[in-house]
Amino acid sequence: MMRLLRWLRVALVVLFSAGWLVALLLAGHFMVQWVDTDLAPRLYGLAPTSHGFPFLDAARVAFWLGCYWLVAVVVFWSVFLATVHFGPNRRGGETGDA
């Protein structure tokens, strides 16, 4: 049971650490969809197949979600590494005698 909980905890940390990539990939996908539906037909002199602004709005939301998620990951790992390397359980931290 403890092994399962450990693997679940590891999986959650991995998903938290790499999840911002999914949001940024979605933003890129929405931008490509906007190019396909709105911009490409205009470049060829045709009428757009649909209104492209919902794709831009979704791309904007996904991009900022990915950016904020990345900030949260960097802060999390910075705090974690700071507490591991400089925390109160570290021997000889204040006195300098390691």
PDB file of N, CA and C in Angstrom:
ATOM      1  N   MET A   1       0.825  -1.196   0.000  1.00  0.00           N
ATOM      2  CA  MET A   1       0.000   0.000   0.000  1.00  0.00           C
ATOM      3  C   MET A   1       0.876   1.270   0.000  1.00  0.00           C
ATOM      4  N   MET A   2       1.947   1.228   0.773  1.00  0.00           N
ATOM      5  CA  MET A   2       2.831   2.387   0.828  1.00  0.00           C
ATOM      6  C   MET A   2       3.528   2.601  -0.505  1.00  0.00           C
ATOM      7  N   ARG A   3       3.843   1.511  -1.179  1.00  0.00           N
ATOM      8  CA  ARG A   3       4.496   1.619  -2.482  1.00  0.00           C
ATOM      9  C   ARG A   3       3.555   2.265  -3.501  1.00  0.00           C
ATOM     10  N   LEU A   4       2.274   1.912  -3.437  1.00  0.00           N
ATOM     11  CA  LEU A   4       1.285   2.504  -4.338  1.00  0.00           C
ATOM     12  C   LEU A   4       1.133   3.999  -4.061  1.00  0.00           C
ATOM     13  N   LEU A   5       1.096   4.366  -2.803  1.00  0.00           N
ATOM     14  CA  LEU A   5       0.985   5.788  -2.452  1.00  0.00           C
ATOM     15  C   LEU A   5       2.218   6.564  -2.890  1.00  0.00           C
ATOM     16  N   ARG A   6       3.381   5.936  -2.781  1.00  0.00           N
ATOM     17  CA  ARG A   6       4.596   6.603  -3.223  1.00  0.00           C
ATOM     18  C   ARG A   6       4.568   6.839  -4.724  1.00  0.00           C
ATOM     19  N   TRP A   7       4.165   5.827  -5.489  1.00  0.00           N
ATOM     20  CA  TRP A   7       4.088   5.983  -6.944  1.00  0.00           C
ATOM     21  C   TRP A   7       3.022   6.993  -7.341  1.00  0.00           C
ATOM     22  N   LEU A   8       1.926   7.036  -6.605  1.00  0.00           N
ATOM     23  CA  LEU A   8       0.892   8.034  -6.872  1.00  0.00           C
ATOM     24  C   LEU A   8       1.415   9.441  -6.613  1.00  0.00           C
ATOM     25  N   ARG A   9       2.178   9.601  -5.524  1.00  0.00           N
ATOM     26  CA  ARG A   9       2.765  10.903  -5.225  1.00  0.00           C
ATOM     27  C   ARG A   9       3.778  11.317  -6.285  1.00  0.00           C
ATOM     28  N   VAL A  10       4.578  10.375  -6.746  1.00  0.00           N
ATOM     29  CA  VAL A  10       5.554  10.661  -7.810  1.00  0.00           C
ATOM     30  C   VAL A  10       4.829  11.049  -9.096  1.00  0.00           C
ATOM     31  N   ALA A  11       3.759  10.328  -9.429  1.00  0.00           N
ATOM     32  CA  ALA A  11       3.004  10.638 -10.649  1.00  0.00           C
ATOM     33  C   ALA A  11       2.382  12.027 -10.576  1.00  0.00           C
ATOM     34  N   LEU A  12       1.878  12.414  -9.420  1.00  0.00           N
ATOM     35  CA  LEU A  12       1.297  13.745  -9.271  1.00  0.00           C
ATOM     36  C   LEU A  12       2.346  14.842  -9.419  1.00  0.00           C
ATOM     37  N   VAL A  13       3.529  14.616  -8.873  1.00  0.00           N
ATOM     38  CA  VAL A  13       4.598  15.612  -9.001  1.00  0.00           C
ATOM     39  C   VAL A  13       5.040  15.718 -10.458  1.00  0.00           C
ATOM     40  N   VAL A  14       5.127  14.596 -11.148  1.00  0.00           N
ATOM     41  CA  VAL A  14       5.510  14.626 -12.563  1.00  0.00           C
ATOM     42  C   VAL A  14       4.456  15.348 -13.388  1.00  0.00           C
ATOM     43  N   LEU A  15       3.182  15.051 -13.156  1.00  0.00           N
ATOM     44  CA  LEU A  15       2.117  15.732 -13.898  1.00  0.00           C
ATOM     45  C   LEU A  15       2.093  17.224 -13.594  1.00  0.00           C
ATOM     46  N   PHE A  16       2.328  17.588 -12.343  1.00  0.00           N
ATOM     47  CA  PHE A  16       2.378  19.002 -11.998  1.00  0.00           C
ATOM     48  C   PHE A  16       3.566  19.684 -12.662  1.00  0.00           C
ATOM     49  N   SER A  17       4.705  18.992 -12.696  1.00  0.00           N
ATOM     50  CA  SER A  17       5.918  19.600 -13.230  1.00  0.00           C
ATOM     51  C   SER A  17       5.884  19.757 -14.743  1.00  0.00           C
ATOM     52  N   ALA A  18       5.245  18.838 -15.439  1.00  0.00           N
ATOM     53  CA  ALA A  18       5.258  18.875 -16.907  1.00  0.00           C
ATOM     54  C   ALA A  18       3.925  19.293 -17.510  1.00  0.00           C
ATOM     55  N   GLY A  19       2.924  19.525 -16.705  1.00  0.00           N
ATOM     56  CA  GLY A  19       1.596  19.841 -17.224  1.00  0.00           C
ATOM     57  C   GLY A  19       1.514  21.150 -17.977  1.00  0.00           C
ATOM     58  N   TRP A  20       2.404  22.088 -17.671  1.00  0.00           N
ATOM     59  CA  TRP A  20       2.375  23.378 -18.370  1.00  0.00           C
ATOM     60  C   TRP A  20       2.664  23.196 -19.849  1.00  0.00           C
ATOM     61  N   LEU A  21       3.384  22.140 -20.204  1.00  0.00           N
ATOM     62  CA  LEU A  21       3.647  21.880 -21.619  1.00  0.00           C
ATOM     63  C   LEU A  21       2.367  21.573 -22.384  1.00  0.00           C
ATOM     64  N   VAL A  22       1.434  20.888 -21.750  1.00  0.00           N
ATOM     65  CA  VAL A  22       0.166  20.568 -22.399  1.00  0.00           C
ATOM     66  C   VAL A  22      -0.599  21.846 -22.711  1.00  0.00           C
ATOM     67  N   ALA A  23      -0.619  22.774 -21.772  1.00  0.00           N
ATOM     68  CA  ALA A  23      -1.321  24.040 -22.002  1.00  0.00           C
ATOM     69  C   ALA A  23      -0.685  24.829 -23.146  1.00  0.00           C
ATOM     70  N   LEU A  24       0.648  24.856 -23.200  1.00  0.00           N
ATOM     71  CA  LEU A  24       1.303  25.587 -24.284  1.00  0.00           C
ATOM     72  C   LEU A  24       1.131  24.880 -25.629  1.00  0.00           C
ATOM     73  N   LEU A  25       1.109  23.552 -25.623  1.00  0.00           N
ATOM     74  CA  LEU A  25       0.830  22.825 -26.863  1.00  0.00           C
ATOM     75  C   LEU A  25      -0.592  23.090 -27.351  1.00  0.00           C
ATOM     76  N   LEU A  26      -1.534  23.172 -26.416  1.00  0.00           N
ATOM     77  CA  LEU A  26      -2.908  23.514 -26.799  1.00  0.00           C
ATOM     78  C   LEU A  26      -2.981  24.919 -27.380  1.00  0.00           C
ATOM     79  N   ALA A  27      -2.233  25.846 -26.810  1.00  0.00           N
ATOM     80  CA  ALA A  27      -2.207  27.204 -27.360  1.00  0.00           C
ATOM     81  C   ALA A  27      -1.681  27.196 -28.787  1.00  0.00           C
ATOM     82  N   GLY A  28      -0.628  26.436 -29.028  1.00  0.00           N
ATOM     83  CA  GLY A  28      -0.115  26.312 -30.391  1.00  0.00           C
ATOM     84  C   GLY A  28      -1.102  25.666 -31.323  1.00  0.00           C
ATOM     85  N   HIS A  29      -1.809  24.658 -30.842  1.00  0.00           N
ATOM     86  CA  HIS A  29      -2.827  24.002 -31.666  1.00  0.00           C
ATOM     87  C   HIS A  29      -3.943  24.978 -32.039  1.00  0.00           C
ATOM     88  N   PHE A  30      -4.386  25.774 -31.090  1.00  0.00           N
ATOM     89  CA  PHE A  30      -5.436  26.747 -31.375  1.00  0.00           C
ATOM     90  C   PHE A  30      -4.965  27.813 -32.360  1.00  0.00           C
ATOM     91  N   MET A  31      -3.702  28.191 -32.274  1.00  0.00           N
ATOM     92  CA  MET A  31      -3.170  29.155 -33.243  1.00  0.00           C
ATOM     93  C   MET A  31      -3.136  28.559 -34.652  1.00  0.00           C
ATOM     94  N   VAL A  32      -2.746  27.288 -34.762  1.00  0.00           N
ATOM     95  CA  VAL A  32      -2.743  26.631 -36.068  1.00  0.00           C
ATOM     96  C   VAL A  32      -4.163  26.524 -36.608  1.00  0.00           C
ATOM     97  N   GLN A  33      -5.127  26.244 -35.750  1.00  0.00           N
ATOM     98  CA  GLN A  33      -6.522  26.186 -36.192  1.00  0.00           C
ATOM     99  C   GLN A  33      -6.995  27.554 -36.685  1.00  0.00           C
ATOM    100  N   TRP A  34      -6.562  28.608 -36.019  1.00  0.00           N
ATOM    101  CA  TRP A  34      -6.924  29.959 -36.470  1.00  0.00           C
ATOM    102  C   TRP A  34      -6.328  30.240 -37.842  1.00  0.00           C
ATOM    103  N   VAL A  35      -5.075  29.840 -38.032  1.00  0.00           N
ATOM    104  CA  VAL A  35      -4.441  30.040 -39.339  1.00  0.00           C
ATOM    105  C   VAL A  35      -5.197  29.271 -40.409  1.00  0.00           C
ATOM    106  N   ASP A  36      -5.601  28.046 -40.116  1.00  0.00           N
ATOM    107  CA  ASP A  36      -6.315  27.223 -41.096  1.00  0.00           C
ATOM    108  C   ASP A  36      -7.702  27.759 -41.426  1.00  0.00           C
ATOM    109  N   THR A  37      -8.404  28.269 -40.430  1.00  0.00           N
ATOM    110  CA  THR A  37      -9.784  28.677 -40.666  1.00  0.00           C
ATOM    111  C   THR A  37      -9.935  30.136 -41.078  1.00  0.00           C
ATOM    112  N   ASP A  38      -9.044  30.988 -40.642  1.00  0.00           N
ATOM    113  CA  ASP A  38      -9.251  32.415 -40.883  1.00  0.00           C
ATOM    114  C   ASP A  38      -8.161  33.039 -41.758  1.00  0.00           C
ATOM    115  N   LEU A  39      -6.916  32.789 -41.447  1.00  0.00           N
ATOM    116  CA  LEU A  39      -5.838  33.484 -42.124  1.00  0.00           C
ATOM    117  C   LEU A  39      -5.507  32.891 -43.497  1.00  0.00           C
ATOM    118  N   ALA A  40      -5.410  31.580 -43.594  1.00  0.00           N
ATOM    119  CA  ALA A  40      -5.032  30.946 -44.870  1.00  0.00           C
ATOM    120  C   ALA A  40      -6.020  31.245 -45.989  1.00  0.00           C
ATOM    121  N   PRO A  41      -7.329  31.160 -45.750  1.00  0.00           N
ATOM    122  CA  PRO A  41      -8.245  31.520 -46.841  1.00  0.00           C
ATOM    123  C   PRO A  41      -8.092  32.978 -47.297  1.00  0.00           C
ATOM    124  N   ARG A  42      -7.828  33.875 -46.370  1.00  0.00           N
ATOM    125  CA  ARG A  42      -7.640  35.280 -46.741  1.00  0.00           C
ATOM    126  C   ARG A  42      -6.382  35.463 -47.593  1.00  0.00           C
ATOM    127  N   LEU A  43      -5.339  34.696 -47.291  1.00  0.00           N
ATOM    128  CA  LEU A  43      -4.113  34.793 -48.081  1.00  0.00           C
ATOM    129  C   LEU A  43      -4.320  34.323 -49.517  1.00  0.00           C
ATOM    130  N   TYR A  44      -5.238  33.373 -49.710  1.00  0.00           N
ATOM    131  CA  TYR A  44      -5.525  32.862 -51.053  1.00  0.00           C
ATOM    132  C   TYR A  44      -6.670  33.607 -51.732  1.00  0.00           C
ATOM    133  N   GLY A  45      -7.174  34.670 -51.100  1.00  0.00           N
ATOM    134  CA  GLY A  45      -8.227  35.477 -51.693  1.00  0.00           C
ATOM    135  C   GLY A  45      -9.612  34.888 -51.542  1.00  0.00           C
ATOM    136  N   LEU A  46      -9.795  33.948 -50.638  1.00  0.00           N
ATOM    137  CA  LEU A  46     -11.094  33.319 -50.403  1.00  0.00           C
ATOM    138  C   LEU A  46     -11.719  33.881 -49.131  1.00  0.00           C
ATOM    139  N   ALA A  47     -12.993  33.574 -48.977  1.00  0.00           N
ATOM    140  CA  ALA A  47     -13.672  33.971 -47.747  1.00  0.00           C
ATOM    141  C   ALA A  47     -13.320  32.971 -46.643  1.00  0.00           C
ATOM    142  N   PRO A  48     -13.127  33.443 -45.418  1.00  0.00           N
ATOM    143  CA  PRO A  48     -12.834  32.513 -44.321  1.00  0.00           C
ATOM    144  C   PRO A  48     -13.967  31.524 -44.115  1.00  0.00           C
ATOM    145  N   THR A  49     -13.620  30.314 -43.703  1.00  0.00           N
ATOM    146  CA  THR A  49     -14.644  29.286 -43.516  1.00  0.00           C
ATOM    147  C   THR A  49     -15.455  29.516 -42.253  1.00  0.00           C
ATOM    148  N   SER A  50     -14.881  30.170 -41.271  1.00  0.00           N
ATOM    149  CA  SER A  50     -15.620  30.474 -40.043  1.00  0.00           C
ATOM    150  C   SER A  50     -14.962  31.668 -39.363  1.00  0.00           C
ATOM    151  N   HIS A  51     -15.563  32.084 -38.306  1.00  0.00           N
ATOM    152  CA  HIS A  51     -15.050  33.194 -37.517  1.00  0.00           C
ATOM    153  C   HIS A  51     -13.885  32.686 -36.674  1.00  0.00           C
ATOM    154  N   GLY A  52     -12.710  33.258 -36.789  1.00  0.00           N
ATOM    155  CA  GLY A  52     -11.518  32.725 -36.150  1.00  0.00           C
ATOM    156  C   GLY A  52     -11.219  33.240 -34.764  1.00  0.00           C
ATOM    157  N   PHE A  53     -11.988  34.224 -34.266  1.00  0.00           N
ATOM    158  CA  PHE A  53     -11.653  34.802 -32.970  1.00  0.00           C
ATOM    159  C   PHE A  53     -11.839  33.851 -31.790  1.00  0.00           C
ATOM    160  N   PRO A  54     -12.758  32.895 -31.811  1.00  0.00           N
ATOM    161  CA  PRO A  54     -12.785  31.931 -30.688  1.00  0.00           C
ATOM    162  C   PRO A  54     -11.480  31.136 -30.572  1.00  0.00           C
ATOM    163  N   PHE A  55     -10.836  30.844 -31.697  1.00  0.00           N
ATOM    164  CA  PHE A  55      -9.553  30.140 -31.642  1.00  0.00           C
ATOM    165  C   PHE A  55      -8.478  31.017 -31.010  1.00  0.00           C
ATOM    166  N   LEU A  56      -8.495  32.294 -31.349  1.00  0.00           N
ATOM    167  CA  LEU A  56      -7.514  33.208 -30.751  1.00  0.00           C
ATOM    168  C   LEU A  56      -7.739  33.372 -29.255  1.00  0.00           C
ATOM    169  N   ASP A  57      -8.998  33.435 -28.858  1.00  0.00           N
ATOM    170  CA  ASP A  57      -9.302  33.562 -27.438  1.00  0.00           C
ATOM    171  C   ASP A  57      -8.881  32.306 -26.679  1.00  0.00           C
ATOM    172  N   ALA A  58      -9.152  31.144 -27.253  1.00  0.00           N
ATOM    173  CA  ALA A  58      -8.739  29.894 -26.611  1.00  0.00           C
ATOM    174  C   ALA A  58      -7.214  29.806 -26.549  1.00  0.00           C
ATOM    175  N   ALA A  59      -6.533  30.260 -27.594  1.00  0.00           N
ATOM    176  CA  ALA A  59      -5.065  30.251 -27.594  1.00  0.00           C
ATOM    177  C   ALA A  59      -4.522  31.181 -26.519  1.00  0.00           C
ATOM    178  N   ARG A  60      -5.147  32.341 -26.365  1.00  0.00           N
ATOM    179  CA  ARG A  60      -4.711  33.293 -25.341  1.00  0.00           C
ATOM    180  C   ARG A  60      -4.886  32.707 -23.943  1.00  0.00           C
ATOM    181  N   VAL A  61      -6.030  32.102 -23.688  1.00  0.00           N
ATOM    182  CA  VAL A  61      -6.290  31.516 -22.371  1.00  0.00           C
ATOM    183  C   VAL A  61      -5.324  30.367 -22.086  1.00  0.00           C
ATOM    184  N   ALA A  62      -5.123  29.493 -23.072  1.00  0.00           N
ATOM    185  CA  ALA A  62      -4.218  28.354 -22.881  1.00  0.00           C
ATOM    186  C   ALA A  62      -2.777  28.825 -22.684  1.00  0.00           C
ATOM    187  N   PHE A  63      -2.371  29.852 -23.409  1.00  0.00           N
ATOM    188  CA  PHE A  63      -1.013  30.376 -23.269  1.00  0.00           C
ATOM    189  C   PHE A  63      -0.785  30.924 -21.867  1.00  0.00           C
ATOM    190  N   TRP A  64      -1.708  31.745 -21.379  1.00  0.00           N
ATOM    191  CA  TRP A  64      -1.517  32.322 -20.053  1.00  0.00           C
ATOM    192  C   TRP A  64      -1.655  31.277 -18.959  1.00  0.00           C
ATOM    193  N   LEU A  65      -2.506  30.294 -19.157  1.00  0.00           N
ATOM    194  CA  LEU A  65      -2.601  29.197 -18.196  1.00  0.00           C
ATOM    195  C   LEU A  65      -1.273  28.453 -18.126  1.00  0.00           C
ATOM    196  N   GLY A  66      -0.667  28.189 -19.281  1.00  0.00           N
ATOM    197  CA  GLY A  66       0.639  27.535 -19.297  1.00  0.00           C
ATOM    198  C   GLY A  66       1.718  28.376 -18.649  1.00  0.00           C
ATOM    199  N   CYS A  67       1.686  29.674 -18.872  1.00  0.00           N
ATOM    200  CA  CYS A  67       2.683  30.564 -18.261  1.00  0.00           C
ATOM    201  C   CYS A  67       2.540  30.603 -16.742  1.00  0.00           C
ATOM    202  N   TYR A  68       1.308  30.743 -16.256  1.00  0.00           N
ATOM    203  CA  TYR A  68       1.102  30.764 -14.807  1.00  0.00           C
ATOM    204  C   TYR A  68       1.451  29.421 -14.183  1.00  0.00           C
ATOM    205  N   TRP A  69       1.137  28.351 -14.886  1.00  0.00           N
ATOM    206  CA  TRP A  69       1.470  27.016 -14.396  1.00  0.00           C
ATOM    207  C   TRP A  69       2.989  26.860 -14.298  1.00  0.00           C
ATOM    208  N   LEU A  70       3.706  27.350 -15.314  1.00  0.00           N
ATOM    209  CA  LEU A  70       5.167  27.280 -15.291  1.00  0.00           C
ATOM    210  C   LEU A  70       5.735  28.087 -14.122  1.00  0.00           C
ATOM    211  N   VAL A  71       5.169  29.236 -13.845  1.00  0.00           N
ATOM    212  CA  VAL A  71       5.612  30.035 -12.691  1.00  0.00           C
ATOM    213  C   VAL A  71       5.394  29.251 -11.395  1.00  0.00           C
ATOM    214  N   ALA A  72       4.239  28.594 -11.280  1.00  0.00           N
ATOM    215  CA  ALA A  72       3.963  27.800 -10.079  1.00  0.00           C
ATOM    216  C   ALA A  72       4.962  26.650  -9.939  1.00  0.00           C
ATOM    217  N   VAL A  73       5.315  26.015 -11.048  1.00  0.00           N
ATOM    218  CA  VAL A  73       6.284  24.918 -11.005  1.00  0.00           C
ATOM    219  C   VAL A  73       7.662  25.430 -10.588  1.00  0.00           C
ATOM    220  N   VAL A  74       8.084  26.546 -11.144  1.00  0.00           N
ATOM    221  CA  VAL A  74       9.398  27.099 -10.794  1.00  0.00           C
ATOM    222  C   VAL A  74       9.434  27.497  -9.324  1.00  0.00           C
ATOM    223  N   VAL A  75       8.377  28.112  -8.827  1.00  0.00           N
ATOM    224  CA  VAL A  75       8.333  28.496  -7.409  1.00  0.00           C
ATOM    225  C   VAL A  75       8.340  27.249  -6.524  1.00  0.00           C
ATOM    226  N   PHE A  76       7.555  26.242  -6.900  1.00  0.00           N
ATOM    227  CA  PHE A  76       7.501  25.007  -6.120  1.00  0.00           C
ATOM    228  C   PHE A  76       8.880  24.362  -6.012  1.00  0.00           C
ATOM    229  N   TRP A  77       9.557  24.201  -7.153  1.00  0.00           N
ATOM    230  CA  TRP A  77      10.853  23.543  -7.132  1.00  0.00           C
ATOM    231  C   TRP A  77      11.926  24.420  -6.478  1.00  0.00           C
ATOM    232  N   SER A  78      11.808  25.721  -6.589  1.00  0.00           N
ATOM    233  CA  SER A  78      12.760  26.603  -5.906  1.00  0.00           C
ATOM    234  C   SER A  78      12.627  26.483  -4.395  1.00  0.00           C
ATOM    235  N   VAL A  79      11.397  26.491  -3.918  1.00  0.00           N
ATOM    236  CA  VAL A  79      11.166  26.351  -2.479  1.00  0.00           C
ATOM    237  C   VAL A  79      11.605  24.968  -2.015  1.00  0.00           C
ATOM    238  N   PHE A  80      11.276  23.948  -2.794  1.00  0.00           N
ATOM    239  CA  PHE A  80      11.670  22.588  -2.420  1.00  0.00           C
ATOM    240  C   PHE A  80      13.186  22.452  -2.332  1.00  0.00           C
ATOM    241  N   LEU A  81      13.880  22.914  -3.353  1.00  0.00           N
ATOM    242  CA  LEU A  81      15.338  22.803  -3.341  1.00  0.00           C
ATOM    243  C   LEU A  81      15.973  23.669  -2.260  1.00  0.00           C
ATOM    244  N   ALA A  82      15.396  24.831  -1.996  1.00  0.00           N
ATOM    245  CA  ALA A  82      15.929  25.689  -0.936  1.00  0.00           C
ATOM    246  C   ALA A  82      15.758  25.035   0.427  1.00  0.00           C
ATOM    247  N   THR A  83      14.624  24.396   0.669  1.00  0.00           N
ATOM    248  CA  THR A  83      14.425  23.750   1.966  1.00  0.00           C
ATOM    249  C   THR A  83      15.275  22.492   2.095  1.00  0.00           C
ATOM    250  N   VAL A  84      15.524  21.795   0.987  1.00  0.00           N
ATOM    251  CA  VAL A  84      16.356  20.597   1.056  1.00  0.00           C
ATOM    252  C   VAL A  84      17.818  20.976   1.297  1.00  0.00           C
ATOM    253  N   HIS A  85      18.315  21.979   0.592  1.00  0.00           N
ATOM    254  CA  HIS A  85      19.728  22.321   0.683  1.00  0.00           C
ATOM    255  C   HIS A  85      20.062  23.304   1.800  1.00  0.00           C
ATOM    256  N   PHE A  86      19.115  24.143   2.179  1.00  0.00           N
ATOM    257  CA  PHE A  86      19.397  25.164   3.182  1.00  0.00           C
ATOM    258  C   PHE A  86      18.420  25.136   4.344  1.00  0.00           C
ATOM    259  N   GLY A  87      17.664  24.083   4.471  1.00  0.00           N
ATOM    260  CA  GLY A  87      16.617  24.011   5.487  1.00  0.00           C
ATOM    261  C   GLY A  87      17.157  23.803   6.887  1.00  0.00           C
ATOM    262  N   PRO A  88      16.255  23.748   7.863  1.00  0.00           N
ATOM    263  CA  PRO A  88      16.672  23.615   9.262  1.00  0.00           C
ATOM    264  C   PRO A  88      17.287  22.252   9.577  1.00  0.00           C
ATOM    265  N   ASN A  89      17.027  21.243   8.762  1.00  0.00           N
ATOM    266  CA  ASN A  89      17.601  19.920   9.016  1.00  0.00           C
ATOM    267  C   ASN A  89      19.004  19.780   8.452  1.00  0.00           C
ATOM    268  N   ARG A  90      19.465  20.789   7.758  1.00  0.00           N
ATOM    269  CA  ARG A  90      20.811  20.765   7.182  1.00  0.00           C
ATOM    270  C   ARG A  90      21.815  21.033   8.282  1.00  0.00           C
ATOM    271  N   ARG A  91      22.811  20.193   8.410  1.00  0.00           N
ATOM    272  CA  ARG A  91      23.781  20.328   9.508  1.00  0.00           C
ATOM    273  C   ARG A  91      24.781  21.439   9.200  1.00  0.00           C
ATOM    274  N   GLY A  92      25.067  22.226  10.168  1.00  0.00           N
ATOM    275  CA  GLY A  92      26.097  23.251  10.049  1.00  0.00           C
ATOM    276  C   GLY A  92      25.688  24.423   9.175  1.00  0.00           C
ATOM    277  N   GLY A  93      24.395  24.716   9.080  1.00  0.00           N
ATOM    278  CA  GLY A  93      23.937  25.771   8.194  1.00  0.00           C
ATOM    279  C   GLY A  93      24.355  27.166   8.627  1.00  0.00           C
ATOM    280  N   GLU A  94      24.112  27.513   9.916  1.00  0.00           N
ATOM    281  CA  GLU A  94      24.410  28.867  10.368  1.00  0.00           C
ATOM    282  C   GLU A  94      25.852  29.033  10.853  1.00  0.00           C
ATOM    283  N   THR A  95      26.420  27.974  11.374  1.00  0.00           N
ATOM    284  CA  THR A  95      27.731  28.126  11.986  1.00  0.00           C
ATOM    285  C   THR A  95      28.868  28.044  10.954  1.00  0.00           C
ATOM    286  N   GLY A  96      28.602  27.412   9.825  1.00  0.00           N
ATOM    287  CA  GLY A  96      29.612  27.336   8.804  1.00  0.00           C
ATOM    288  C   GLY A  96      30.528  26.140   8.941  1.00  0.00           C
ATOM    289  N   ASP A  97      30.364  25.333  10.013  1.00  0.00           N
ATOM    290  CA  ASP A  97      31.208  24.151  10.182  1.00  0.00           C
ATOM    291  C   ASP A  97      30.483  22.923   9.616  1.00  0.00           C
ATOM    292  N   ALA A  98      30.779  22.609   8.386  1.00  0.00           N
ATOM    293  CA  ALA A  98      30.075  21.508   7.729  1.00  0.00           C
ATOM    294  C   ALA A  98      30.659  20.186   8.084  1.00  0.00           C
TER     295      ALA A  98
END
